[in-house]
Amino acid sequence: MESSNKVILKNLTHDELRDYIESIGEKKFRANQIFSWMYKNAITFDDMKNISGDLKRKLSEVADIGNIEQEACFESKIDGTKKYLFLLPDGNIIETVMMDYSDRVTVCISSQVGCRMGCDFCASTKEGLIRNLEPWEILDQILKVEKDIGKRVSNIVMMGSGEPLDNFENTKRFLKLVNEEEGLNIGYRHITLSTCGIVPKMYELADMQLPINLAISLHSPFDEKRKEIMPVAKSFKIEEIIKAAKYLISKTNRRVTFEYSLIKGVNDSKKEADEIAKLLKGMLCHVNIIPINKIEESNYEKPDKSFIYKFRDELESKGINATIRNSRGSDIGGACGQLRRKYKKNLI
């Protein structure tokens, strides 16, 4: 939790911050003031108007607040979706997407710089994994979006760059931080975590019994085809993933989503729909069909609209609840599968 030997305060829960402030010889109530300022997007200790100059100097020697910087922002002309480029202290740039609906504001956040899952249709994985994001770097994406739009974020989807269960320890701490009552106070039921199906971590997550929403990337009901689309499938068979999903449902009583990126001529036939129905029969789940979004490095194409609806209808005719995701932000490279890692050189 430290950078340059300084404690990052946004990595601490409210109780941990109280203990830390007391450990450096200050009164615990000062932690309440500091915590409040952090969640009001204070950039420096000088921004904290009701703490003394001596405490500001002491804190600046031993701690950092933990702030990422907004490098750029693009707004969709189609649906008002915003894509943010956030600069990290080491020069890496991550992407975050904000979707403003009439009844909620949802932010799609990144959990890693790059990704090593290797999904063939996804831009995030093309440079591999650069590094994990720290809990505060995941958290601060939400804070910086709130600062920009002047609204409270109500829903989080961990579907940006990275595999959250591949950065499991930091993801767990982030989930704890984001749920802090005096912080962002975003309820677990308003958080969706997307995974390629890292089976051992799915069991660990289930045992935590958090009422979050789990979305599992399926993309094919056949192991061999799934391996072609997403190499991580070489490590975990579909049968193992389904078993882990059922275990999670038994622990949380929460419906699981199976994400299915629909690719023209690859995984969009009746044969696939029939096999999905067999796999998921009787499960507390639904299928979210995601027509593939175009990226430069892939020749995959989106099926015609009639094929997309036909695939959904085929699933529903066999008793599988299925929806088609309404892609947002595609004109700004902010849709599912389009987020990338960038790097800014020559930082001072």
Protein backbone atom coordinates (compact mmCIF):
# COMPACT_ATOMS: atom_id res chain seq x y z
CA MET A 1 0.00 0.00 0.00
CA GLU A 2 2.93 2.34 -0.20
CA SER A 3 4.56 4.34 -2.97
CA SER A 4 7.96 6.01 -2.60
CA ASN A 5 7.89 4.90 1.07
CA LYS A 6 4.85 7.08 1.70
CA VAL A 7 1.52 5.75 2.88
CA ILE A 8 -1.27 6.30 0.32
CA LEU A 9 -4.18 7.51 2.43
CA LYS A 10 -6.84 6.51 -0.10
CA ASN A 11 -5.75 2.90 0.41
CA LEU A 12 -7.02 3.12 4.01
CA THR A 13 -10.48 2.57 5.40
CA HIS A 14 -11.85 5.20 7.78
CA ASP A 15 -10.91 3.09 10.84
CA GLU A 16 -7.43 2.42 9.45
CA LEU A 17 -6.94 6.13 8.83
CA ARG A 18 -7.91 6.90 12.45
CA ASP A 19 -5.33 4.37 13.67
CA TYR A 20 -2.69 5.79 11.32
CA ILE A 21 -3.29 9.40 12.38
CA GLU A 22 -3.02 8.35 16.03
CA SER A 23 0.22 6.45 15.25
CA ILE A 24 1.86 9.68 14.07
CA GLY A 25 0.93 11.45 17.30
CA GLU A 26 -2.28 13.21 16.25
CA LYS A 27 -5.82 13.12 17.64
CA LYS A 28 -8.18 10.60 16.03
CA PHE A 29 -10.76 13.27 15.13
CA ARG A 30 -8.25 14.68 12.62
CA ALA A 31 -8.76 11.51 10.59
CA ASN A 32 -12.44 12.39 10.18
CA GLN A 33 -11.48 15.75 8.69
CA ILE A 34 -8.83 14.24 6.38
CA PHE A 35 -11.14 11.42 5.26
CA SER A 36 -13.86 13.91 4.38
CA TRP A 37 -11.45 16.05 2.34
CA MET A 38 -10.12 13.01 0.45
CA TYR A 39 -13.62 12.15 -0.69
CA LYS A 40 -14.17 15.78 -1.70
CA ASN A 41 -11.28 15.29 -4.15
CA ALA A 42 -8.62 17.25 -2.26
CA ILE A 43 -5.48 17.17 -4.43
CA THR A 44 -2.95 18.34 -1.84
CA PHE A 45 -2.92 18.63 1.94
CA ASP A 46 -3.07 22.42 1.49
CA ASP A 47 -6.61 21.95 0.13
CA MET A 48 -7.69 20.69 3.56
CA LYS A 49 -8.79 23.99 5.07
CA ASN A 50 -9.54 22.93 8.66
CA ILE A 51 -6.29 21.17 9.57
CA SER A 52 -3.23 22.95 10.93
CA GLY A 53 -0.15 23.91 8.97
CA ASP A 54 1.98 21.70 11.22
CA LEU A 55 -0.17 18.64 10.47
CA LYS A 56 -0.12 19.42 6.75
CA ARG A 57 3.69 19.53 6.82
CA LYS A 58 3.90 16.31 8.84
CA LEU A 59 1.53 14.50 6.46
CA SER A 60 3.36 15.70 3.37
CA GLU A 61 6.56 14.09 4.70
CA VAL A 62 5.09 10.65 5.39
CA ALA A 63 1.97 10.28 3.23
CA ASP A 64 0.30 10.98 -0.09
CA ILE A 65 -3.44 11.41 -0.60
CA GLY A 66 -3.38 9.37 -3.81
CA ASN A 67 -4.63 11.15 -6.93
CA ILE A 68 -4.76 10.21 -10.57
CA GLU A 69 -4.95 13.02 -13.14
CA GLN A 70 -7.47 13.56 -15.90
CA GLU A 71 -5.44 13.59 -19.11
CA ALA A 72 -8.33 13.83 -21.57
CA CYS A 73 -12.08 13.31 -21.89
CA PHE A 74 -14.13 12.40 -24.96
CA GLU A 75 -17.91 12.64 -25.17
CA SER A 76 -20.02 10.50 -27.49
CA LYS A 77 -22.14 12.41 -29.97
CA ILE A 78 -24.47 9.40 -30.09
CA ASP A 79 -25.44 8.90 -26.46
CA GLY A 80 -23.47 11.30 -24.23
CA THR A 81 -21.19 8.59 -22.85
CA LYS A 82 -17.85 9.96 -21.65
CA LYS A 83 -14.48 8.22 -21.91
CA TYR A 84 -11.75 9.47 -19.59
CA LEU A 85 -8.02 9.00 -19.97
CA PHE A 86 -6.46 9.07 -16.51
CA LEU A 87 -2.72 9.54 -15.97
CA LEU A 88 -1.10 7.42 -13.27
CA PRO A 89 2.03 8.48 -11.34
CA ASP A 90 4.25 6.13 -13.38
CA GLY A 91 3.19 7.56 -16.75
CA ASN A 92 0.68 4.85 -17.65
CA ILE A 93 -2.72 5.99 -18.87
CA ILE A 94 -5.89 4.02 -18.18
CA GLU A 95 -9.36 4.48 -19.61
CA THR A 96 -12.62 4.81 -17.71
CA VAL A 97 -16.14 5.16 -19.11
CA MET A 98 -19.11 7.04 -17.65
CA MET A 99 -22.68 6.28 -18.78
CA ASP A 100 -25.38 8.68 -17.59
CA TYR A 101 -28.80 7.06 -17.67
CA SER A 102 -32.02 8.76 -16.62
CA ASP A 103 -32.15 6.89 -13.30
CA ARG A 104 -28.48 6.20 -12.54
CA VAL A 105 -24.86 7.02 -13.34
CA THR A 106 -22.73 3.97 -14.12
CA VAL A 107 -18.95 4.02 -14.34
CA CYS A 108 -16.94 1.28 -16.04
CA ILE A 109 -13.58 1.11 -14.30
CA SER A 110 -10.23 -0.53 -15.05
CA SER A 111 -8.50 -2.87 -12.58
CA GLN A 112 -5.16 -3.37 -14.37
CA VAL A 113 -2.89 -1.54 -16.80
CA GLY A 114 -3.36 -3.82 -19.78
CA CYS A 115 -4.48 -7.44 -19.42
CA ARG A 116 -2.99 -10.89 -19.89
CA MET A 117 -6.18 -12.83 -20.61
CA GLY A 118 -5.58 -12.56 -24.37
CA CYS A 119 -9.20 -12.36 -25.56
CA ASP A 120 -8.96 -12.08 -29.34
CA PHE A 121 -11.67 -9.41 -29.72
CA CYS A 122 -10.45 -7.10 -26.93
CA ALA A 123 -8.12 -4.11 -27.37
CA SER A 124 -7.16 -4.04 -23.65
CA THR A 125 -5.10 -7.21 -23.91
CA LYS A 126 -3.04 -6.46 -27.04
CA GLU A 127 0.04 -5.27 -25.10
CA GLY A 128 -0.35 -7.85 -22.35
CA LEU A 129 -0.34 -7.04 -18.64
CA ILE A 130 1.79 -4.05 -17.66
CA ARG A 131 0.90 -3.99 -13.96
CA ASN A 132 -1.90 -4.26 -11.43
CA LEU A 133 -3.71 -1.16 -10.28
CA GLU A 134 -3.50 -0.32 -6.58
CA PRO A 135 -6.83 -0.14 -4.70
CA TRP A 136 -6.63 3.65 -4.56
CA GLU A 137 -6.04 3.86 -8.33
CA ILE A 138 -9.22 1.84 -8.92
CA LEU A 139 -11.18 3.92 -6.40
CA ASP A 140 -9.97 7.29 -7.65
CA GLN A 141 -11.41 6.69 -11.13
CA ILE A 142 -14.85 7.01 -9.56
CA LEU A 143 -13.96 10.06 -7.50
CA LYS A 144 -12.52 11.88 -10.51
CA VAL A 145 -15.59 11.11 -12.64
CA GLU A 146 -17.84 12.46 -9.87
CA LYS A 147 -15.73 15.62 -9.71
CA ASP A 148 -16.03 16.12 -13.47
CA ILE A 149 -19.77 15.54 -13.85
CA GLY A 150 -20.88 17.00 -10.50
CA LYS A 151 -23.07 13.97 -9.81
CA ARG A 152 -22.95 10.94 -7.58
CA VAL A 153 -21.96 7.67 -9.22
CA SER A 154 -24.54 5.04 -8.25
CA ASN A 155 -23.34 1.94 -10.11
CA ILE A 156 -19.94 0.42 -10.89
CA VAL A 157 -19.01 -2.17 -13.48
CA MET A 158 -15.51 -3.64 -13.26
CA MET A 159 -15.38 -4.23 -16.99
CA GLY A 160 -12.63 -1.85 -18.10
CA SER A 161 -9.05 -2.88 -18.81
CA GLY A 162 -7.88 -5.88 -16.83
CA GLU A 163 -9.21 -8.99 -15.12
CA PRO A 164 -10.31 -8.10 -11.57
CA LEU A 165 -9.77 -11.65 -10.26
CA ASP A 166 -6.19 -11.58 -11.63
CA ASN A 167 -5.64 -8.60 -9.30
CA PHE A 168 -7.68 -10.20 -6.54
CA GLU A 169 -6.08 -8.80 -3.36
CA ASN A 170 -6.30 -5.22 -4.63
CA THR A 171 -9.82 -5.83 -5.96
CA LYS A 172 -10.94 -7.11 -2.55
CA ARG A 173 -9.59 -4.02 -0.81
CA PHE A 174 -11.16 -1.76 -3.43
CA LEU A 175 -14.55 -3.40 -2.79
CA LYS A 176 -14.12 -2.70 0.91
CA LEU A 177 -13.10 0.92 0.32
CA VAL A 178 -15.87 1.74 -2.13
CA ASN A 179 -18.47 0.41 0.31
CA GLU A 180 -17.26 2.64 3.19
CA GLU A 181 -20.30 4.40 4.63
CA GLU A 182 -18.55 7.76 5.08
CA GLY A 183 -16.73 7.46 1.73
CA LEU A 184 -18.36 6.68 -1.60
CA ASN A 185 -20.87 4.39 0.14
CA ILE A 186 -21.73 2.41 -3.01
CA GLY A 187 -23.65 -0.72 -2.07
CA TYR A 188 -22.39 -4.12 -3.17
CA ARG A 189 -25.63 -4.80 -5.07
CA HIS A 190 -24.75 -1.85 -7.31
CA ILE A 191 -21.35 -3.34 -8.25
CA THR A 192 -20.79 -5.78 -11.11
CA LEU A 193 -17.48 -7.63 -11.41
CA SER A 194 -16.66 -9.17 -14.78
CA THR A 195 -14.34 -12.16 -15.03
CA CYS A 196 -13.02 -14.46 -17.74
CA GLY A 197 -13.55 -17.32 -15.30
CA ILE A 198 -10.55 -17.58 -12.94
CA VAL A 199 -12.01 -20.58 -11.14
CA PRO A 200 -9.99 -20.63 -7.86
CA LYS A 201 -10.67 -16.93 -7.29
CA MET A 202 -14.37 -17.42 -8.09
CA TYR A 203 -14.53 -19.80 -5.11
CA GLU A 204 -12.67 -17.31 -2.89
CA LEU A 205 -15.04 -14.56 -3.96
CA ALA A 206 -18.03 -16.79 -3.25
CA ASP A 207 -16.75 -17.51 0.26
CA MET A 208 -16.65 -13.76 0.96
CA GLN A 209 -20.46 -13.84 0.47
CA LEU A 210 -20.60 -10.30 -0.88
CA PRO A 211 -23.89 -9.55 -2.64
CA ILE A 212 -22.13 -8.17 -5.73
CA ASN A 213 -23.14 -9.10 -9.27
CA LEU A 214 -20.81 -11.50 -11.08
CA ALA A 215 -20.56 -11.44 -14.88
CA ILE A 216 -18.70 -14.35 -16.46
CA SER A 217 -17.29 -14.11 -19.99
CA LEU A 218 -18.50 -17.24 -21.80
CA HIS A 219 -18.28 -16.43 -25.54
CA SER A 220 -18.65 -20.08 -26.54
CA PRO A 221 -20.26 -23.14 -24.94
CA PHE A 222 -17.58 -25.36 -26.49
CA ASP A 223 -14.15 -25.60 -24.85
CA GLU A 224 -12.14 -25.81 -28.08
CA LYS A 225 -13.87 -22.83 -29.68
CA ARG A 226 -13.61 -20.86 -26.44
CA LYS A 227 -9.84 -21.47 -26.38
CA GLU A 228 -9.58 -19.89 -29.84
CA ILE A 229 -11.50 -16.80 -28.75
CA MET A 230 -9.96 -16.44 -25.26
CA PRO A 231 -6.68 -18.26 -24.46
CA VAL A 232 -7.38 -18.20 -20.69
CA ALA A 233 -9.87 -20.99 -21.48
CA LYS A 234 -6.86 -23.32 -21.77
CA SER A 235 -6.57 -23.12 -17.98
CA PHE A 236 -10.21 -23.59 -16.98
CA LYS A 237 -12.84 -25.73 -18.68
CA ILE A 238 -16.40 -24.54 -19.08
CA GLU A 239 -17.57 -27.37 -16.81
CA GLU A 240 -15.32 -26.02 -14.01
CA ILE A 241 -16.59 -22.47 -14.51
CA ILE A 242 -20.24 -23.55 -14.37
CA LYS A 243 -19.55 -25.52 -11.18
CA ALA A 244 -17.87 -22.49 -9.57
CA ALA A 245 -20.77 -20.25 -10.67
CA LYS A 246 -23.28 -22.60 -9.07
CA TYR A 247 -21.23 -22.55 -5.86
CA LEU A 248 -21.27 -18.75 -5.86
CA ILE A 249 -25.04 -18.71 -6.38
CA SER A 250 -25.45 -21.10 -3.43
CA LYS A 251 -23.37 -18.77 -1.23
CA THR A 252 -24.90 -15.44 -2.26
CA ASN A 253 -28.29 -16.27 -3.78
CA ARG A 254 -27.39 -13.73 -6.48
CA ARG A 255 -28.13 -14.20 -10.15
CA VAL A 256 -25.03 -14.70 -12.30
CA THR A 257 -24.68 -13.10 -15.74
CA PHE A 258 -22.98 -14.91 -18.59
CA GLU A 259 -21.56 -12.42 -21.08
CA TYR A 260 -21.57 -13.64 -24.65
CA SER A 261 -19.71 -11.59 -27.28
CA LEU A 262 -21.51 -12.48 -30.49
CA ILE A 263 -19.14 -12.83 -33.46
CA LYS A 264 -20.34 -13.24 -37.04
CA GLY A 265 -19.74 -16.76 -38.32
CA VAL A 266 -17.79 -17.78 -35.21
CA ASN A 267 -20.19 -18.35 -32.30
CA ASP A 268 -23.60 -17.18 -33.50
CA SER A 269 -25.26 -20.37 -34.76
CA LYS A 270 -28.26 -22.33 -33.46
CA LYS A 271 -25.80 -25.04 -32.40
CA GLU A 272 -24.18 -22.63 -29.91
CA ALA A 273 -27.54 -21.41 -28.63
CA ASP A 274 -28.73 -24.99 -28.07
CA GLU A 275 -25.57 -25.89 -26.14
CA ILE A 276 -25.79 -22.75 -23.97
CA ALA A 277 -29.35 -23.71 -23.06
CA LYS A 278 -28.17 -27.18 -22.00
CA LEU A 279 -25.29 -25.76 -19.93
CA LEU A 280 -27.35 -23.20 -18.06
CA LYS A 281 -30.63 -25.06 -17.61
CA GLY A 282 -32.02 -24.55 -14.11
CA MET A 283 -29.38 -21.99 -13.04
CA LEU A 284 -30.17 -18.65 -11.45
CA CYS A 285 -28.62 -16.75 -14.34
CA HIS A 286 -29.14 -14.83 -17.53
CA VAL A 287 -27.19 -14.31 -20.74
CA ASN A 288 -26.10 -10.83 -21.82
CA ILE A 289 -25.50 -10.90 -25.58
CA ILE A 290 -22.84 -8.38 -26.63
CA PRO A 291 -22.58 -7.87 -30.40
CA ILE A 292 -18.84 -7.57 -31.01
CA ASN A 293 -17.34 -4.07 -31.27
CA LYS A 294 -14.75 -3.54 -33.99
CA ILE A 295 -11.09 -3.07 -33.06
CA GLU A 296 -8.12 -2.52 -35.42
CA GLU A 297 -6.26 -5.73 -34.55
CA SER A 298 -9.13 -8.14 -35.21
CA ASN A 299 -11.05 -9.27 -38.30
CA TYR A 300 -14.05 -10.28 -36.22
CA GLU A 301 -17.33 -8.73 -37.36
CA LYS A 302 -20.65 -8.03 -35.73
CA PRO A 303 -23.54 -10.23 -36.97
CA ASP A 304 -26.45 -8.62 -38.78
CA LYS A 305 -29.16 -7.32 -36.47
CA SER A 306 -31.56 -10.07 -37.57
CA PHE A 307 -29.00 -12.72 -36.52
CA ILE A 308 -28.52 -11.05 -33.13
CA TYR A 309 -32.25 -11.10 -32.37
CA LYS A 310 -32.58 -14.63 -33.72
CA PHE A 311 -29.84 -15.81 -31.34
CA ARG A 312 -31.58 -14.19 -28.37
CA ASP A 313 -34.96 -15.63 -29.37
CA GLU A 314 -33.42 -19.09 -29.69
CA LEU A 315 -32.14 -18.90 -26.10
CA GLU A 316 -35.40 -17.57 -24.74
CA SER A 317 -37.41 -20.28 -26.54
CA LYS A 318 -35.42 -22.79 -24.46
CA GLY A 319 -36.12 -21.04 -21.17
CA ILE A 320 -32.89 -19.01 -20.89
CA ASN A 321 -33.36 -15.37 -19.94
CA ALA A 322 -31.35 -13.33 -22.46
CA THR A 323 -30.81 -9.65 -23.18
CA ILE A 324 -28.92 -7.75 -25.87
CA ARG A 325 -26.49 -5.15 -24.56
CA ASN A 326 -27.05 -1.68 -25.94
CA SER A 327 -23.52 -0.64 -26.87
CA ARG A 328 -22.66 2.88 -25.72
CA GLY A 329 -19.70 5.09 -26.57
CA SER A 330 -18.60 3.17 -29.68
CA ASP A 331 -17.85 6.40 -31.57
CA ILE A 332 -15.23 7.35 -28.95
CA GLY A 333 -13.70 3.88 -28.52
CA GLY A 334 -15.49 3.51 -25.19
CA ALA A 335 -17.62 0.45 -25.86
CA CYS A 336 -17.06 -3.08 -24.58
CA GLY A 337 -13.71 -4.45 -25.77
CA GLN A 338 -12.40 -1.12 -27.05
CA LEU A 339 -10.48 0.24 -24.04
CA ARG A 340 -6.71 0.46 -24.36
CA ARG A 341 -3.55 1.18 -22.40
CA LYS A 342 -1.46 4.23 -23.26
CA TYR A 343 1.76 5.65 -21.85
CA LYS A 344 2.96 9.20 -21.40
CA LYS A 345 6.71 9.59 -21.67
CA ASN A 346 9.05 12.22 -20.23
CA LEU A 347 7.07 12.88 -17.08
CA ILE A 348 8.87 15.36 -14.82
